[in-house]
Amino acid sequence: MTEKKDKTMMKEGEFSGQTYKIFIVDDHPIVRKGLSQLIDQEADLLTCGEASDAQSALQILKKLKPDLTIVDISLQGMDGIELTKNIRARYGNLPVLIISMHDESLYAERALRAGARGYIMKQEATEKMMEAIRRVIRGDLYISEKVSAGIVKKFVDGKSKRSSSPEELLSDRELEVFRLVGQGFGTRQIAEELRVSVKTVETYRANIKEKLNLKNARELIKHAVYWLESL
C-alpha cells in the first residue's frame, strides 16, 4: 500500500494515494480494452466498468459510483453529446470526459455546452489522456490549446462571423439526426433510436436541408454520407 501511495504522490501530488474509478462508454471493444489497460496501469486510476451504448451506460451507472465517465461521441443510437446531457440530468455532478476521432472544431464546444468537463482526441498520446482524466477528476476543464484559442476568438469576434463549416449551423439534435442519416437510418428508424415521433424527425430533416441548402432527401443522404466519411 505504501509503495502504491508513494508512486501516486510522485505522479500527481494532489491525489494523496486515493484510487479513482473510471467508467468507459465506447462502441468499439478494442478501444474499451485498450483504454482500460492504460488506465489500470496508473496507480491512482481504476476502470470500474464499461458499456457499448448510451442506454446500457445509463442503466449500469445506477449501480456504480464512478469518479469519472469517459464517453465516445460516436455511439450507436443516442450519441455521446445526448448521453452527456442525460448523465448531467440524472447523476448531477458526475464529470464526463468526451473522447473522439471527430474534428474538435465541430464537437468540442458542443460537448462543453452539453455538460462535459473535457474533450480530447483519441489519437493523443497516453500522457495527454491521463492528464485530461486527472484534470477533469480534479474539477478542472480540459480542452486542447487549439480549441481554447478558437473559443476565445469566437467570443472576441462575436457571432457575426460565419461558421467555418455549414454543419456548425446545426443544433445538437439536428447534428445527431444528420449523423444517423449518414449511417443509413431511415426516418422511422431514427425516431425509434431517439425515442421521438416520426413527425419530429421529419422536422429535423427539413431544418437540416434548409440550413445546409440541400434540395431534397437524396441530397441530404449523399451529403450526410460524405460528411461521415470525411471525419
Protein backbone atom coordinates (compact mmCIF):
# COMPACT_ATOMS: atom_id res chain seq x y z
CA MET A 1 0.00 0.00 0.00
CA THR A 2 2.83 2.37 0.90
CA GLU A 3 4.53 1.71 -2.41
CA LYS A 4 1.31 2.49 -4.28
CA LYS A 5 0.80 5.71 -2.34
CA ASP A 6 4.36 6.85 -2.94
CA LYS A 7 4.03 6.14 -6.65
CA THR A 8 0.78 8.07 -6.79
CA MET A 9 2.23 11.02 -4.95
CA MET A 10 5.06 11.13 -7.45
CA LYS A 11 2.66 11.07 -10.36
CA GLU A 12 0.10 13.54 -9.11
CA GLY A 13 0.63 15.23 -5.79
CA GLU A 14 -2.94 16.32 -5.35
CA PHE A 15 -4.40 12.78 -5.31
CA SER A 16 -2.83 11.68 -2.00
CA GLY A 17 -2.87 7.96 -2.78
CA GLN A 18 -6.61 7.67 -3.44
CA THR A 19 -7.76 5.43 -6.29
CA TYR A 20 -10.32 6.98 -8.67
CA LYS A 21 -12.85 4.85 -10.52
CA ILE A 22 -13.37 5.35 -14.25
CA PHE A 23 -16.35 4.18 -16.32
CA ILE A 24 -15.87 3.84 -20.12
CA VAL A 25 -18.56 4.16 -22.81
CA ASP A 26 -17.40 3.27 -26.34
CA ASP A 27 -18.94 1.07 -29.02
CA HIS A 28 -15.61 -0.47 -30.08
CA PRO A 29 -14.50 -3.35 -27.79
CA ILE A 30 -10.85 -2.95 -28.76
CA VAL A 31 -10.93 0.75 -27.78
CA ARG A 32 -12.56 -0.06 -24.44
CA LYS A 33 -9.98 -2.77 -23.74
CA GLY A 34 -7.03 -0.62 -24.76
CA LEU A 35 -8.18 2.39 -22.74
CA SER A 36 -8.97 0.20 -19.74
CA GLN A 37 -5.48 -1.32 -19.81
CA LEU A 38 -3.86 2.12 -19.97
CA ILE A 39 -5.96 3.37 -17.04
CA ASP A 40 -5.34 0.29 -14.90
CA GLN A 41 -1.58 0.74 -15.26
CA GLU A 42 -1.88 4.01 -13.33
CA ALA A 43 -1.52 3.77 -9.55
CA ASP A 44 -4.31 6.23 -8.82
CA LEU A 45 -6.81 5.16 -11.51
CA LEU A 46 -9.00 2.06 -11.92
CA THR A 47 -11.56 1.03 -14.54
CA CYS A 48 -14.75 0.10 -12.68
CA GLY A 49 -16.98 -0.77 -15.67
CA GLU A 50 -17.79 -0.22 -19.31
CA ALA A 51 -20.68 -0.05 -21.79
CA SER A 52 -21.02 -0.15 -25.57
CA ASP A 53 -24.02 2.17 -25.91
CA ALA A 54 -25.80 5.01 -24.15
CA GLN A 55 -28.83 3.10 -22.88
CA SER A 56 -26.66 0.39 -21.29
CA ALA A 57 -24.43 3.05 -19.77
CA LEU A 58 -27.33 4.84 -18.10
CA GLN A 59 -28.55 1.54 -16.60
CA ILE A 60 -25.12 0.48 -15.34
CA LEU A 61 -24.40 3.90 -13.86
CA LYS A 62 -27.33 3.33 -11.47
CA LYS A 63 -25.28 0.63 -9.75
CA LEU A 64 -21.81 2.15 -9.99
CA LYS A 65 -20.48 5.33 -8.48
CA PRO A 66 -17.53 6.26 -10.70
CA ASP A 67 -15.48 9.37 -10.21
CA LEU A 68 -15.39 9.98 -13.97
CA THR A 69 -17.19 8.73 -17.07
CA ILE A 70 -15.31 8.65 -20.38
CA VAL A 71 -17.75 8.92 -23.30
CA ASP A 72 -17.13 8.46 -27.01
CA ILE A 73 -19.02 10.82 -29.34
CA SER A 74 -19.92 8.21 -31.99
CA LEU A 75 -22.21 5.76 -30.24
CA GLN A 76 -24.96 3.79 -31.95
CA GLY A 77 -28.37 5.31 -31.29
CA MET A 78 -28.05 8.11 -28.75
CA ASP A 79 -24.69 9.80 -29.36
CA GLY A 80 -22.16 10.96 -26.79
CA ILE A 81 -23.47 14.52 -26.67
CA GLU A 82 -27.01 13.40 -25.79
CA LEU A 83 -25.64 10.81 -23.36
CA THR A 84 -23.67 13.55 -21.61
CA LYS A 85 -26.84 15.62 -21.25
CA ASN A 86 -28.63 12.60 -19.76
CA ILE A 87 -25.80 11.90 -17.33
CA ARG A 88 -25.88 15.50 -16.17
CA ALA A 89 -29.65 15.36 -15.74
CA ARG A 90 -29.71 12.04 -13.88
CA TYR A 91 -26.42 11.96 -11.99
CA GLY A 92 -25.75 15.60 -11.23
CA ASN A 93 -22.08 16.37 -10.81
CA LEU A 94 -20.63 13.14 -12.23
CA PRO A 95 -17.87 14.52 -14.52
CA VAL A 96 -17.73 13.46 -18.17
CA LEU A 97 -14.67 13.45 -20.42
CA ILE A 98 -15.52 13.19 -24.13
CA ILE A 99 -13.11 11.28 -26.37
CA SER A 100 -13.46 11.29 -30.14
CA MET A 101 -11.91 10.82 -33.56
CA HIS A 102 -14.01 13.73 -34.82
CA ASP A 103 -12.91 17.27 -35.54
CA GLU A 104 -12.50 19.27 -32.34
CA SER A 105 -13.71 22.45 -34.04
CA LEU A 106 -17.16 20.92 -34.58
CA TYR A 107 -17.68 18.92 -31.40
CA ALA A 108 -15.59 20.26 -28.51
CA GLU A 109 -17.71 23.33 -27.82
CA ARG A 110 -20.90 21.28 -28.18
CA ALA A 111 -19.53 18.78 -25.66
CA LEU A 112 -18.83 21.52 -23.11
CA ARG A 113 -22.28 23.03 -23.63
CA ALA A 114 -23.79 19.59 -23.02
CA GLY A 115 -22.07 19.45 -19.64
CA ALA A 116 -18.82 17.61 -20.36
CA ARG A 117 -15.80 18.76 -18.38
CA GLY A 118 -13.31 17.92 -21.10
CA TYR A 119 -12.74 16.88 -24.70
CA ILE A 120 -9.75 15.02 -26.09
CA MET A 121 -8.95 13.37 -29.42
CA LYS A 122 -8.35 9.60 -29.33
CA GLN A 123 -5.08 9.96 -31.20
CA GLU A 124 -3.49 12.00 -28.43
CA ALA A 125 -0.54 10.48 -26.57
CA THR A 126 -1.16 8.37 -23.47
CA GLU A 127 0.34 11.08 -21.25
CA LYS A 128 -2.15 13.63 -22.58
CA MET A 129 -5.06 11.25 -21.99
CA MET A 130 -4.02 10.62 -18.39
CA GLU A 131 -3.52 14.35 -17.87
CA ALA A 132 -7.04 15.00 -19.17
CA ILE A 133 -8.53 12.34 -16.89
CA ARG A 134 -6.81 13.68 -13.78
CA ARG A 135 -7.61 17.30 -14.53
CA VAL A 136 -11.31 16.57 -15.04
CA ILE A 137 -11.48 14.49 -11.85
CA ARG A 138 -9.79 17.38 -10.04
CA GLY A 139 -12.62 19.66 -11.15
CA ASP A 140 -10.84 21.48 -13.97
CA LEU A 141 -11.82 21.75 -17.62
CA TYR A 142 -9.68 20.06 -20.24
CA ILE A 143 -9.59 21.09 -23.90
CA SER A 144 -6.71 21.47 -26.33
CA GLU A 145 -4.95 24.80 -26.76
CA LYS A 146 -6.29 24.93 -30.32
CA VAL A 147 -9.92 24.61 -29.18
CA SER A 148 -9.40 27.01 -26.29
CA ALA A 149 -7.97 29.62 -28.66
CA GLY A 150 -10.86 29.06 -31.07
CA ILE A 151 -13.48 29.61 -28.37
CA VAL A 152 -11.76 32.78 -27.21
CA LYS A 153 -11.52 34.02 -30.80
CA LYS A 154 -15.21 33.31 -31.36
CA PHE A 155 -16.05 35.28 -28.22
CA VAL A 156 -13.86 38.20 -29.29
CA ASP A 157 -15.14 38.21 -32.87
CA GLY A 158 -18.76 37.86 -31.81
CA LYS A 159 -21.43 35.85 -33.60
CA SER A 160 -21.31 37.92 -36.76
CA LYS A 161 -18.51 35.84 -38.30
CA ARG A 162 -19.66 32.90 -40.40
CA SER A 163 -19.12 29.34 -39.21
CA SER A 164 -16.07 27.56 -40.59
CA SER A 165 -18.28 24.67 -41.75
CA PRO A 166 -22.01 24.51 -42.61
CA GLU A 167 -22.55 21.69 -40.11
CA GLU A 168 -21.79 24.11 -37.27
CA LEU A 169 -25.15 25.73 -38.03
CA LEU A 170 -26.97 22.58 -36.92
CA SER A 171 -28.28 22.18 -33.39
CA ASP A 172 -27.01 19.22 -31.36
CA ARG A 173 -30.16 17.23 -32.11
CA GLU A 174 -30.07 18.11 -35.81
CA LEU A 175 -26.44 17.01 -36.00
CA GLU A 176 -27.37 13.72 -34.34
CA VAL A 177 -30.13 13.14 -36.92
CA PHE A 178 -27.71 14.13 -39.69
CA ARG A 179 -25.20 11.54 -38.41
CA LEU A 180 -27.85 8.81 -38.33
CA VAL A 181 -28.95 9.67 -41.87
CA GLY A 182 -25.34 9.23 -42.94
CA GLN A 183 -25.26 5.82 -41.25
CA GLY A 184 -28.21 4.70 -43.38
CA PHE A 185 -31.04 5.11 -40.88
CA GLY A 186 -34.49 5.88 -42.29
CA THR A 187 -36.89 8.37 -40.71
CA ARG A 188 -38.79 5.74 -38.70
CA GLN A 189 -35.56 4.11 -37.53
CA ILE A 190 -34.23 7.46 -36.37
CA ALA A 191 -37.47 8.12 -34.49
CA GLU A 192 -37.10 4.78 -32.69
CA GLU A 193 -33.43 5.37 -31.89
CA LEU A 194 -34.03 8.85 -30.49
CA ARG A 195 -37.41 7.98 -28.95
CA VAL A 196 -39.24 10.80 -30.68
CA SER A 197 -42.10 10.90 -33.18
CA VAL A 198 -41.67 10.43 -36.93
CA LYS A 199 -43.06 13.93 -37.38
CA THR A 200 -40.33 15.33 -35.13
CA VAL A 201 -37.64 13.61 -37.18
CA GLU A 202 -39.20 14.96 -40.38
CA THR A 203 -39.00 18.44 -38.89
CA TYR A 204 -35.32 17.94 -38.05
CA ARG A 205 -34.64 16.71 -41.57
CA ALA A 206 -36.40 19.74 -43.06
CA ASN A 207 -34.36 22.08 -40.85
CA ILE A 208 -31.13 20.35 -41.85
CA LYS A 209 -31.92 20.65 -45.56
CA GLU A 210 -32.70 24.33 -45.14
CA LYS A 211 -29.56 25.13 -43.13
CA LEU A 212 -27.28 23.16 -45.45
CA ASN A 213 -29.04 24.37 -48.60
CA LEU A 214 -29.97 20.86 -49.74
CA LYS A 215 -32.82 20.46 -52.20
CA ASN A 216 -34.20 17.02 -51.40
CA ALA A 217 -33.84 13.78 -49.42
CA ARG A 218 -31.34 12.35 -51.92
CA GLU A 219 -29.00 15.33 -51.49
CA LEU A 220 -29.41 15.08 -47.72
CA ILE A 221 -28.38 11.41 -47.68
CA LYS A 222 -25.47 11.97 -50.06
CA HIS A 223 -24.19 14.94 -48.07
CA ALA A 224 -24.55 13.09 -44.73
CA VAL A 225 -22.66 10.03 -46.01
CA TYR A 226 -19.89 12.20 -47.46
CA TRP A 227 -19.63 14.16 -44.20
CA LEU A 228 -19.30 11.00 -42.11
CA GLU A 229 -16.63 9.59 -44.41
CA SER A 230 -14.64 12.81 -44.18
CA LEU A 231 -14.46 12.81 -40.38
